[in-house]
Amino acid sequence: MVGVLPREDKTAAGIGIMVLAVALFTCIDTSAKWLLIAGLPALQVVFARYAGHLLVSLIVYLPQEGLSAIRSQSPGKQFLRSVFLLGSTILNFIALSYLPITITTTIQFTMPIVVTLLAIPMLGETVGIRRIIAVCVGFSGVLVVTQPWSAAWHPAMLLSVASVVVASLYFVMTRMLAGIESNATQQLWSSAVSTTILLPFVVKGWVWPPDIQAWMVFMAIGFFGATGHIAATTAHRWADASLLSPMFYTQIVFAAFAGIFIFGTWPTIYTLGGGAIIIGSGLYIWARERKVKGG
C-alpha cells in the first residue's frame, strides 16, 4: 500500500486551505454552468471535469509514488465510491443547466444532514433524538428554498436533491476507506473510473467549445476539480475534521458572488432564508458530534 502522509498540527493553515478548496469547488460548478450555457452537452462537461482531474492527478502522484499509487486494497468499494461521485456530478451539472448556482449550492448544504442519516445503517453509527430533530429542521429549509407549492418550483430541483443523496453515499464510502487507501489512490481511481465510463458516450456526440473563453473554461474545470480535492485532503491532514466542516458553508458567499457577477442572478429571500435554516441545523449537528466525541 502507498504510504499515507502523517498528520500535522497546522490548524490555521488547514482552515485557510479548506476555504480555498471550497472556493475551487464553486469554480467547478461555475465552469460547468458556463459551458452548459455555451452549448456543450452535460456529459461532455462532466467528462472534461474528470479527464482534467485525472491528468493533474497523474502529473502530481505518479512521479512521487509510481504505479503503486494505482493499486487499491479494496477495488470493489473504490469502484462503487467512484461511481457515486460520478453520478452526483452528472445530476448536479444537469440541475445547474436549469437552476441558479445559489439554489444548487444551498441544497448541497444538506449533505452533512444526509450523511448523518446514511451513517446509521451503513456505518452502524447511533444518532440521538436531538440530531434527528435537527435533520428534520434542515429538510424544512430545503422546502423553503425549493418552494414545491409555488410557481418558482422547477423539476430540476429534484435532480439537485438526488445529487446530494448520491454524493452523501460517496462520502460514506470515503469514511469506509479511511486508513485503507491513500489520497493518491483515491484521486486516481475516482477520476480514472469516471473518465473511462464517460468516454464512449461523449465521443459520438462531441461538441467543440465555440470560442476561446469556452476553451479556457473547458481546460480549467478539471484543474479546479483536482486541486480542490487535493487541497481538501491536505486541509484534513493539517486540522481536525470537526474544525473544517463549517468551512463548507462559506460556499454560499462564493456561489452568490458567481451568480451575481458572472451570471447576473441574485439570490432570493427564500434561498437566503432556507439556507440559514439548513446551515443552522448543520452547525447544530456538527456541534453535537464534537460534544459526543469529546472535541
Protein backbone atom coordinates (compact mmCIF):
# COMPACT_ATOMS: atom_id res chain seq x y z
CA MET A 1 0.00 0.00 0.00
CA VAL A 2 1.19 3.52 -0.81
CA GLY A 3 2.39 5.35 2.31
CA VAL A 4 -0.02 7.75 3.97
CA LEU A 5 1.41 11.11 4.97
CA PRO A 6 1.34 11.80 8.72
CA ARG A 7 -0.97 14.27 10.44
CA GLU A 8 0.47 17.72 11.20
CA ASP A 9 -0.74 20.36 13.65
CA LYS A 10 -1.27 23.36 11.34
CA THR A 11 -4.80 24.36 12.30
CA ALA A 12 -4.79 27.92 10.92
CA ALA A 13 -3.22 26.83 7.62
CA GLY A 14 -5.65 23.89 7.43
CA ILE A 15 -8.67 26.14 7.82
CA GLY A 16 -7.28 28.54 5.23
CA ILE A 17 -6.63 25.84 2.64
CA MET A 18 -10.09 24.36 3.31
CA VAL A 19 -11.66 27.71 2.42
CA LEU A 20 -9.53 27.66 -0.74
CA ALA A 21 -10.82 24.15 -1.52
CA VAL A 22 -14.43 25.33 -1.12
CA ALA A 23 -13.73 28.24 -3.47
CA LEU A 24 -12.33 25.78 -6.03
CA PHE A 25 -15.44 23.60 -5.67
CA THR A 26 -17.52 26.66 -6.52
CA CYS A 27 -15.28 27.21 -9.55
CA ILE A 28 -16.22 23.70 -10.73
CA ASP A 29 -19.95 24.49 -10.64
CA THR A 30 -19.42 27.95 -12.16
CA SER A 31 -17.35 26.48 -15.00
CA ALA A 32 -19.93 23.75 -15.59
CA LYS A 33 -22.79 26.25 -15.83
CA TRP A 34 -20.73 28.45 -18.17
CA LEU A 35 -20.01 25.51 -20.52
CA LEU A 36 -23.64 24.34 -20.45
CA ILE A 37 -24.83 27.84 -21.41
CA ALA A 38 -22.21 27.79 -24.20
CA GLY A 39 -24.00 24.74 -25.64
CA LEU A 40 -21.78 21.83 -24.60
CA PRO A 41 -23.60 18.58 -23.65
CA ALA A 42 -23.81 17.89 -19.92
CA LEU A 43 -22.00 14.53 -20.16
CA GLN A 44 -19.15 16.13 -22.09
CA VAL A 45 -18.77 18.79 -19.38
CA VAL A 46 -18.63 16.03 -16.75
CA PHE A 47 -16.03 14.23 -18.89
CA ALA A 48 -13.88 17.37 -19.09
CA ARG A 49 -14.09 17.74 -15.32
CA TYR A 50 -12.82 14.18 -14.65
CA ALA A 51 -10.38 13.87 -17.56
CA GLY A 52 -8.64 17.05 -16.40
CA HIS A 53 -8.73 15.77 -12.81
CA LEU A 54 -7.10 12.51 -13.94
CA LEU A 55 -4.38 14.33 -15.88
CA VAL A 56 -3.46 16.55 -12.92
CA SER A 57 -3.51 13.56 -10.53
CA LEU A 58 -1.19 11.56 -12.80
CA ILE A 59 1.23 14.50 -13.03
CA VAL A 60 1.20 15.01 -9.24
CA TYR A 61 1.23 11.45 -7.92
CA LEU A 62 2.98 9.16 -10.41
CA PRO A 63 6.42 10.82 -10.08
CA GLN A 64 6.11 10.60 -6.28
CA GLU A 65 4.69 7.12 -5.82
CA GLY A 66 4.89 5.30 -9.16
CA LEU A 67 2.39 2.70 -10.31
CA SER A 68 1.79 1.60 -6.70
CA ALA A 69 -0.48 4.66 -6.40
CA ILE A 70 -2.96 2.93 -8.71
CA ARG A 71 -3.20 -0.31 -6.72
CA SER A 72 -6.25 -0.44 -4.44
CA GLN A 73 -6.59 -2.52 -1.29
CA SER A 74 -10.37 -2.59 -1.77
CA PRO A 75 -11.12 -2.25 -5.50
CA GLY A 76 -14.83 -3.10 -5.21
CA LYS A 77 -15.55 -0.36 -2.68
CA GLN A 78 -13.24 2.02 -4.52
CA PHE A 79 -15.14 1.47 -7.77
CA LEU A 80 -18.51 1.95 -6.06
CA ARG A 81 -17.26 5.13 -4.38
CA SER A 82 -16.09 6.46 -7.76
CA VAL A 83 -19.44 5.68 -9.40
CA PHE A 84 -21.28 7.54 -6.63
CA LEU A 85 -19.08 10.61 -7.20
CA LEU A 86 -19.66 10.44 -10.96
CA GLY A 87 -23.43 10.09 -10.50
CA SER A 88 -23.62 13.06 -8.16
CA THR A 89 -21.66 15.21 -10.61
CA ILE A 90 -23.90 14.28 -13.56
CA LEU A 91 -27.05 15.07 -11.57
CA ASN A 92 -25.60 18.34 -10.27
CA PHE A 93 -24.44 19.55 -13.69
CA ILE A 94 -27.82 18.79 -15.28
CA ALA A 95 -29.53 20.67 -12.44
CA LEU A 96 -27.14 23.60 -13.00
CA SER A 97 -28.31 23.87 -16.60
CA TYR A 98 -31.76 24.86 -15.30
CA LEU A 99 -31.18 26.43 -11.86
CA PRO A 100 -29.20 29.36 -10.43
CA ILE A 101 -25.94 28.31 -8.80
CA THR A 102 -27.08 29.74 -5.47
CA ILE A 103 -30.04 27.31 -5.34
CA THR A 104 -27.99 24.21 -6.18
CA THR A 105 -25.31 25.28 -3.68
CA THR A 106 -27.85 25.84 -0.90
CA ILE A 107 -29.42 22.43 -1.49
CA GLN A 108 -25.94 20.88 -1.31
CA PHE A 109 -25.63 22.23 2.24
CA THR A 110 -27.92 19.37 3.32
CA MET A 111 -25.12 16.90 2.63
CA PRO A 112 -23.89 16.67 6.26
CA ILE A 113 -27.50 16.01 7.26
CA VAL A 114 -27.93 13.21 4.70
CA VAL A 115 -24.56 11.72 5.64
CA THR A 116 -25.71 11.68 9.28
CA LEU A 117 -28.77 9.63 8.29
CA LEU A 118 -26.89 7.24 5.98
CA ALA A 119 -24.21 6.60 8.60
CA ILE A 120 -26.81 4.88 10.78
CA PRO A 121 -27.45 1.84 8.54
CA MET A 122 -24.17 1.87 6.57
CA LEU A 123 -21.60 2.60 9.29
CA GLY A 124 -23.52 1.47 12.36
CA GLU A 125 -23.39 4.91 13.94
CA THR A 126 -26.01 5.92 16.50
CA VAL A 127 -27.84 9.23 16.29
CA GLY A 128 -29.78 10.77 19.19
CA ILE A 129 -33.24 12.32 19.08
CA ARG A 130 -31.88 15.88 19.09
CA ARG A 131 -29.85 15.28 15.96
CA ILE A 132 -32.87 13.63 14.31
CA ILE A 133 -34.86 16.80 15.07
CA ALA A 134 -32.04 18.89 13.60
CA VAL A 135 -32.18 16.76 10.44
CA CYS A 136 -35.93 17.41 10.11
CA VAL A 137 -35.39 21.14 10.60
CA GLY A 138 -32.70 21.07 7.92
CA PHE A 139 -35.04 19.45 5.42
CA SER A 140 -37.65 22.10 6.18
CA GLY A 141 -35.02 24.57 4.97
CA VAL A 142 -34.87 22.67 1.67
CA LEU A 143 -38.63 23.14 1.31
CA VAL A 144 -38.19 26.88 1.83
CA VAL A 145 -35.52 27.00 -0.90
CA THR A 146 -37.33 24.81 -3.45
CA GLN A 147 -40.91 26.02 -2.73
CA PRO A 148 -42.69 22.99 -4.25
CA TRP A 149 -46.02 24.75 -3.63
CA SER A 150 -45.25 27.82 -5.79
CA ALA A 151 -44.61 28.85 -9.38
CA ALA A 152 -40.89 29.11 -8.55
CA TRP A 153 -40.70 25.30 -8.33
CA HIS A 154 -38.65 23.60 -11.05
CA PRO A 155 -38.37 19.81 -11.50
CA ALA A 156 -34.58 20.15 -11.79
CA MET A 157 -34.58 20.79 -8.03
CA LEU A 158 -35.27 17.08 -7.61
CA LEU A 159 -32.07 16.37 -9.56
CA SER A 160 -30.17 18.63 -7.17
CA VAL A 161 -31.62 16.79 -4.16
CA ALA A 162 -30.78 13.44 -5.78
CA SER A 163 -27.23 14.70 -6.37
CA VAL A 164 -26.91 15.38 -2.63
CA VAL A 165 -28.08 11.86 -1.74
CA VAL A 166 -25.65 10.20 -4.17
CA ALA A 167 -22.78 12.48 -3.08
CA SER A 168 -23.53 11.57 0.54
CA LEU A 169 -23.15 7.91 -0.38
CA TYR A 170 -19.76 8.84 -1.84
CA PHE A 171 -18.70 10.47 1.43
CA VAL A 172 -19.90 7.48 3.48
CA MET A 173 -17.81 5.22 1.23
CA THR A 174 -14.88 7.59 1.75
CA ARG A 175 -15.25 7.11 5.51
CA MET A 176 -15.25 3.33 4.99
CA LEU A 177 -11.96 3.55 3.09
CA ALA A 178 -10.28 5.94 5.52
CA GLY A 179 -6.98 4.43 6.70
CA ILE A 180 -7.15 1.78 3.98
CA GLU A 181 -6.41 3.80 0.84
CA SER A 182 -4.01 6.70 0.29
CA ASN A 183 -5.05 10.07 -1.13
CA ALA A 184 -3.21 9.27 -4.37
CA THR A 185 -5.18 6.05 -4.88
CA GLN A 186 -8.49 7.74 -4.07
CA GLN A 187 -7.85 10.62 -6.51
CA LEU A 188 -6.63 8.40 -9.33
CA TRP A 189 -9.47 5.89 -9.01
CA SER A 190 -12.29 8.44 -8.78
CA SER A 191 -11.06 10.36 -11.83
CA ALA A 192 -9.99 7.33 -13.91
CA VAL A 193 -13.23 5.36 -13.36
CA SER A 194 -15.37 8.37 -14.29
CA THR A 195 -13.27 9.21 -17.37
CA THR A 196 -13.37 5.61 -18.60
CA ILE A 197 -17.12 5.23 -18.13
CA LEU A 198 -17.93 8.51 -19.88
CA LEU A 199 -15.54 8.27 -22.84
CA PRO A 200 -17.71 6.01 -25.08
CA PHE A 201 -20.76 8.22 -24.51
CA VAL A 202 -19.13 11.56 -25.32
CA VAL A 203 -17.04 10.60 -28.38
CA LYS A 204 -20.01 10.19 -30.75
CA GLY A 205 -21.72 13.47 -29.95
CA TRP A 206 -18.60 15.54 -29.28
CA VAL A 207 -19.10 19.33 -29.48
CA TRP A 208 -16.06 21.59 -29.65
CA PRO A 209 -16.07 24.70 -27.43
CA PRO A 210 -17.34 27.62 -29.54
CA ASP A 211 -14.78 30.32 -28.59
CA ILE A 212 -11.53 30.97 -26.75
CA GLN A 213 -13.29 31.74 -23.46
CA ALA A 214 -15.18 28.45 -23.58
CA TRP A 215 -11.92 26.65 -24.41
CA MET A 216 -10.22 28.20 -21.37
CA VAL A 217 -13.08 27.16 -19.08
CA PHE A 218 -13.18 23.69 -20.69
CA MET A 219 -9.49 23.22 -19.89
CA ALA A 220 -9.76 24.72 -16.38
CA ILE A 221 -12.68 22.72 -14.95
CA GLY A 222 -10.60 19.57 -14.43
CA PHE A 223 -7.83 21.59 -12.82
CA PHE A 224 -10.36 23.07 -10.39
CA GLY A 225 -11.61 19.57 -9.56
CA ALA A 226 -8.18 18.06 -8.93
CA THR A 227 -6.72 20.97 -6.96
CA GLY A 228 -9.90 21.38 -4.93
CA HIS A 229 -9.90 17.76 -3.78
CA ILE A 230 -6.14 17.75 -3.15
CA ALA A 231 -6.48 20.95 -1.10
CA ALA A 232 -9.38 19.49 0.93
CA THR A 233 -7.39 16.33 1.69
CA THR A 234 -4.35 18.39 2.72
CA ALA A 235 -6.55 20.51 4.98
CA HIS A 236 -7.82 17.37 6.75
CA ARG A 237 -4.20 16.34 7.35
CA TRP A 238 -3.41 19.70 8.93
CA ALA A 239 -6.54 20.24 11.04
CA ASP A 240 -9.33 18.23 12.68
CA ALA A 241 -12.36 17.46 10.53
CA SER A 242 -14.60 18.89 13.26
CA LEU A 243 -12.94 22.29 12.77
CA LEU A 244 -13.07 22.12 8.99
CA SER A 245 -16.70 21.08 8.47
CA PRO A 246 -18.25 24.55 8.98
CA MET A 247 -15.92 25.95 6.29
CA PHE A 248 -18.14 24.34 3.64
CA TYR A 249 -20.78 26.95 4.42
CA THR A 250 -18.52 29.69 3.05
CA GLN A 251 -19.52 28.33 -0.35
CA ILE A 252 -22.74 30.34 -0.23
CA VAL A 253 -20.61 33.51 -0.38
CA PHE A 254 -18.62 32.26 -3.37
CA ALA A 255 -21.78 30.99 -5.10
CA ALA A 256 -23.58 34.31 -4.55
CA PHE A 257 -20.58 36.15 -6.00
CA ALA A 258 -20.53 33.88 -9.07
CA GLY A 259 -24.30 34.19 -9.52
CA ILE A 260 -24.30 37.97 -9.34
CA PHE A 261 -21.12 38.90 -11.23
CA ILE A 262 -20.89 36.08 -13.78
CA PHE A 263 -24.50 35.04 -14.46
CA GLY A 264 -26.38 38.16 -13.34
CA THR A 265 -28.68 36.32 -10.91
CA TRP A 266 -29.29 37.42 -7.33
CA PRO A 267 -30.20 35.01 -4.50
CA THR A 268 -33.86 35.28 -3.50
CA ILE A 269 -35.11 35.83 0.04
CA TYR A 270 -36.28 32.20 0.03
CA THR A 271 -32.81 30.95 -0.91
CA LEU A 272 -31.21 33.04 1.83
CA GLY A 273 -33.83 32.11 4.43
CA GLY A 274 -33.83 28.41 3.63
CA GLY A 275 -30.04 28.47 3.51
CA ALA A 276 -29.93 29.96 7.01
CA ILE A 277 -32.18 27.16 8.32
CA ILE A 278 -30.07 24.46 6.65
CA ILE A 279 -26.79 25.97 7.86
CA GLY A 280 -28.17 26.34 11.39
CA SER A 281 -29.21 22.69 11.56
CA GLY A 282 -25.90 21.59 10.04
CA LEU A 283 -23.94 23.58 12.61
CA TYR A 284 -26.04 22.05 15.40
CA ILE A 285 -25.27 18.54 14.14
CA TRP A 286 -21.57 19.49 13.91
CA ALA A 287 -21.60 20.82 17.48
CA ARG A 288 -23.36 17.67 18.79
CA GLU A 289 -20.81 15.41 17.05
CA ARG A 290 -17.94 17.36 18.63
CA LYS A 291 -19.57 17.10 22.06
CA VAL A 292 -20.26 13.36 21.73
CA LYS A 293 -16.69 12.73 20.58
CA GLY A 294 -15.29 14.96 23.30
CA GLY A 295 -14.00 17.51 20.76
